[in-house]
Amino acid sequence: MQEIGESREQWGRDVLEMVEDFANNMKSEVKPFYIVYACKSDKSNQNVFRQSMKAYYSRPPKLLGVLVWYVNHPLGEFRFVPELSFPPDVPLDPHLLSDKAYDAFDTVSSKGREVGVLLS
């Protein structure tokens, strides 16, 4: 039987490996850049997720549901950028959500308000 979070942990490792491969494939790039990762379910098959990465040569826009890394090959920099990485907008079964105030993570709602995204 699968445990809660089991797939999420493996998926997280897979995403990091994909981002590292993406950065390594651009090893000859001397100009610093950002890698933006996004993932959505396929419209024709809800059991399939489409993942994409794109390089930005300027600071990417603030978007809900993306993960961002900064890469500067000449300086040997490869780092996650938490201020531009907002939690993926993954729908959850309401039974898995807590109604306890101490479990609330206010920065998600404040980030949503900051970037103009409605949160329910």
C-alpha atoms as a PDB file:
ATOM      1  CA  MET A   1       0.000   0.000   0.000  1.00  0.00           C
ATOM      2  CA  GLN A   2       1.251   3.488  -0.824  1.00  0.00           C
ATOM      3  CA  GLU A   3       1.976   5.935   1.997  1.00  0.00           C
ATOM      4  CA  ILE A   4       0.851   9.590   1.930  1.00  0.00           C
ATOM      5  CA  GLY A   5       3.718  11.657   0.531  1.00  0.00           C
ATOM      6  CA  GLU A   6       5.559   8.675  -0.955  1.00  0.00           C
ATOM      7  CA  SER A   7       5.034   9.796  -4.559  1.00  0.00           C
ATOM      8  CA  ARG A   8       5.623  13.440  -3.643  1.00  0.00           C
ATOM      9  CA  GLU A   9       9.090  12.651  -2.254  1.00  0.00           C
ATOM     10  CA  GLN A  10      10.111  10.710  -5.363  1.00  0.00           C
ATOM     11  CA  TRP A  11       8.636  13.382  -7.632  1.00  0.00           C
ATOM     12  CA  GLY A  12      10.608  16.048  -5.764  1.00  0.00           C
ATOM     13  CA  ARG A  13      13.847  14.116  -6.325  1.00  0.00           C
ATOM     14  CA  ASP A  14      12.951  13.654 -10.004  1.00  0.00           C
ATOM     15  CA  VAL A  15      12.282  17.398 -10.422  1.00  0.00           C
ATOM     16  CA  LEU A  16      15.621  18.304  -8.852  1.00  0.00           C
ATOM     17  CA  GLU A  17      17.401  15.844 -11.143  1.00  0.00           C
ATOM     18  CA  MET A  18      15.603  17.316 -14.193  1.00  0.00           C
ATOM     19  CA  VAL A  19      16.602  20.856 -13.177  1.00  0.00           C
ATOM     20  CA  GLU A  20      20.226  19.833 -12.626  1.00  0.00           C
ATOM     21  CA  ASP A  21      20.257  18.151 -16.060  1.00  0.00           C
ATOM     22  CA  PHE A  22      18.730  21.283 -17.618  1.00  0.00           C
ATOM     23  CA  ALA A  23      21.425  23.467 -16.015  1.00  0.00           C
ATOM     24  CA  ASN A  24      24.184  21.059 -17.089  1.00  0.00           C
ATOM     25  CA  ASN A  25      22.901  21.050 -20.674  1.00  0.00           C
ATOM     26  CA  MET A  26      23.407  24.834 -20.654  1.00  0.00           C
ATOM     27  CA  LYS A  27      26.916  24.552 -19.183  1.00  0.00           C
ATOM     28  CA  SER A  28      28.397  26.611 -22.023  1.00  0.00           C
ATOM     29  CA  GLU A  29      26.085  29.555 -21.198  1.00  0.00           C
ATOM     30  CA  VAL A  30      28.150  32.309 -19.571  1.00  0.00           C
ATOM     31  CA  LYS A  31      25.242  34.666 -18.972  1.00  0.00           C
ATOM     32  CA  PRO A  32      23.391  34.053 -15.642  1.00  0.00           C
ATOM     33  CA  PHE A  33      19.856  32.704 -15.976  1.00  0.00           C
ATOM     34  CA  TYR A  34      16.859  31.425 -14.022  1.00  0.00           C
ATOM     35  CA  ILE A  35      15.244  28.028 -14.523  1.00  0.00           C
ATOM     36  CA  VAL A  36      11.475  28.030 -14.051  1.00  0.00           C
ATOM     37  CA  TYR A  37       9.726  24.684 -13.516  1.00  0.00           C
ATOM     38  CA  ALA A  38       5.957  24.235 -13.886  1.00  0.00           C
ATOM     39  CA  CYS A  39       3.678  21.225 -13.972  1.00  0.00           C
ATOM     40  CA  LYS A  40       0.021  20.776 -14.934  1.00  0.00           C
ATOM     41  CA  SER A  41      -2.259  17.851 -15.535  1.00  0.00           C
ATOM     42  CA  ASP A  42      -2.896  17.015 -19.166  1.00  0.00           C
ATOM     43  CA  LYS A  43      -6.308  18.241 -20.333  1.00  0.00           C
ATOM     44  CA  SER A  44      -7.008  15.061 -22.305  1.00  0.00           C
ATOM     45  CA  ASN A  45      -5.770  12.664 -19.589  1.00  0.00           C
ATOM     46  CA  GLN A  46      -6.039  13.825 -15.971  1.00  0.00           C
ATOM     47  CA  ASN A  47      -3.720  10.986 -14.860  1.00  0.00           C
ATOM     48  CA  VAL A  48      -0.811  12.442 -16.858  1.00  0.00           C
ATOM     49  CA  PHE A  49       1.210  15.466 -15.754  1.00  0.00           C
ATOM     50  CA  ARG A  50       3.038  17.705 -18.214  1.00  0.00           C
ATOM     51  CA  GLN A  51       6.242  19.152 -16.794  1.00  0.00           C
ATOM     52  CA  SER A  52       8.146  21.998 -18.378  1.00  0.00           C
ATOM     53  CA  MET A  53      11.231  24.084 -17.747  1.00  0.00           C
ATOM     54  CA  LYS A  54      12.272  27.339 -19.301  1.00  0.00           C
ATOM     55  CA  ALA A  55      15.369  29.522 -19.002  1.00  0.00           C
ATOM     56  CA  TYR A  56      14.848  33.222 -18.290  1.00  0.00           C
ATOM     57  CA  TYR A  57      17.722  35.672 -18.669  1.00  0.00           C
ATOM     58  CA  SER A  58      15.990  38.244 -16.500  1.00  0.00           C
ATOM     59  CA  ARG A  59      14.170  37.799 -13.220  1.00  0.00           C
ATOM     60  CA  PRO A  60      11.020  35.776 -13.996  1.00  0.00           C
ATOM     61  CA  PRO A  61       7.552  37.087 -13.144  1.00  0.00           C
ATOM     62  CA  LYS A  62       5.931  36.082  -9.864  1.00  0.00           C
ATOM     63  CA  LEU A  63       3.594  33.191 -10.569  1.00  0.00           C
ATOM     64  CA  LEU A  64       1.770  30.824  -8.270  1.00  0.00           C
ATOM     65  CA  GLY A  65       2.658  27.179  -8.831  1.00  0.00           C
ATOM     66  CA  VAL A  66       6.239  27.414 -10.122  1.00  0.00           C
ATOM     67  CA  LEU A  67       9.660  26.553  -8.741  1.00  0.00           C
ATOM     68  CA  VAL A  68      12.666  28.724  -9.632  1.00  0.00           C
ATOM     69  CA  TRP A  69      16.450  28.223  -9.575  1.00  0.00           C
ATOM     70  CA  TYR A  70      19.240  30.706 -10.331  1.00  0.00           C
ATOM     71  CA  VAL A  71      22.274  29.556 -12.326  1.00  0.00           C
ATOM     72  CA  ASN A  72      25.545  31.394 -12.939  1.00  0.00           C
ATOM     73  CA  HIS A  73      27.998  28.926 -14.465  1.00  0.00           C
ATOM     74  CA  PRO A  74      31.121  31.166 -14.443  1.00  0.00           C
ATOM     75  CA  LEU A  75      30.700  31.640 -10.658  1.00  0.00           C
ATOM     76  CA  GLY A  76      29.617  28.036 -10.054  1.00  0.00           C
ATOM     77  CA  GLU A  77      26.241  29.130  -8.669  1.00  0.00           C
ATOM     78  CA  PHE A  78      23.179  26.895  -8.708  1.00  0.00           C
ATOM     79  CA  ARG A  79      20.592  27.760  -6.086  1.00  0.00           C
ATOM     80  CA  PHE A  80      16.909  27.479  -5.388  1.00  0.00           C
ATOM     81  CA  VAL A  81      15.122  30.866  -5.219  1.00  0.00           C
ATOM     82  CA  PRO A  82      12.404  30.561  -2.545  1.00  0.00           C
ATOM     83  CA  GLU A  83      11.152  34.148  -2.933  1.00  0.00           C
ATOM     84  CA  LEU A  84      10.104  33.369  -6.529  1.00  0.00           C
ATOM     85  CA  SER A  85       8.975  29.783  -5.873  1.00  0.00           C
ATOM     86  CA  PHE A  86       5.413  29.582  -4.750  1.00  0.00           C
ATOM     87  CA  PRO A  87       3.906  26.255  -3.736  1.00  0.00           C
ATOM     88  CA  PRO A  88       2.455  24.294  -6.614  1.00  0.00           C
ATOM     89  CA  ASP A  89      -1.321  24.711  -6.741  1.00  0.00           C
ATOM     90  CA  VAL A  90      -2.086  21.045  -6.171  1.00  0.00           C
ATOM     91  CA  PRO A  91      -5.690  20.266  -5.207  1.00  0.00           C
ATOM     92  CA  LEU A  92      -5.980  18.169  -2.067  1.00  0.00           C
ATOM     93  CA  ASP A  93      -8.749  16.026  -0.649  1.00  0.00           C
ATOM     94  CA  PRO A  94     -10.426  18.217   2.013  1.00  0.00           C
ATOM     95  CA  HIS A  95     -10.158  15.316   4.488  1.00  0.00           C
ATOM     96  CA  LEU A  96      -6.379  15.676   4.357  1.00  0.00           C
ATOM     97  CA  LEU A  97      -6.495  19.353   5.341  1.00  0.00           C
ATOM     98  CA  SER A  98      -6.288  20.520   8.939  1.00  0.00           C
ATOM     99  CA  ASP A  99      -8.725  22.968  10.492  1.00  0.00           C
ATOM    100  CA  LYS A 100      -6.283  23.844  13.295  1.00  0.00           C
ATOM    101  CA  ALA A 101      -4.920  27.407  13.240  1.00  0.00           C
ATOM    102  CA  TYR A 102      -1.354  26.304  14.047  1.00  0.00           C
ATOM    103  CA  ASP A 103      -1.272  24.268  10.819  1.00  0.00           C
ATOM    104  CA  ALA A 104      -2.080  27.289   8.637  1.00  0.00           C
ATOM    105  CA  PHE A 105       0.729  28.594   6.461  1.00  0.00           C
ATOM    106  CA  ASP A 106      -0.042  32.277   5.992  1.00  0.00           C
ATOM    107  CA  THR A 107       2.700  32.967   3.464  1.00  0.00           C
ATOM    108  CA  VAL A 108       0.830  30.962   0.817  1.00  0.00           C
ATOM    109  CA  SER A 109      -2.239  33.191   1.087  1.00  0.00           C
ATOM    110  CA  SER A 110      -0.152  36.363   1.345  1.00  0.00           C
ATOM    111  CA  LYS A 111       1.829  35.348  -1.773  1.00  0.00           C
ATOM    112  CA  GLY A 112      -1.442  34.673  -3.588  1.00  0.00           C
ATOM    113  CA  ARG A 113      -2.750  38.108  -2.636  1.00  0.00           C
ATOM    114  CA  GLU A 114       0.591  39.709  -3.606  1.00  0.00           C
ATOM    115  CA  VAL A 115       0.551  38.238  -7.105  1.00  0.00           C
ATOM    116  CA  GLY A 116      -3.195  38.812  -7.517  1.00  0.00           C
ATOM    117  CA  VAL A 117      -4.341  35.188  -7.437  1.00  0.00           C
ATOM    118  CA  LEU A 118      -7.627  34.331  -5.734  1.00  0.00           C
ATOM    119  CA  LEU A 119      -7.304  31.652  -3.112  1.00  0.00           C
ATOM    120  CA  SER A 120     -10.232  29.746  -1.691  1.00  0.00           C
END
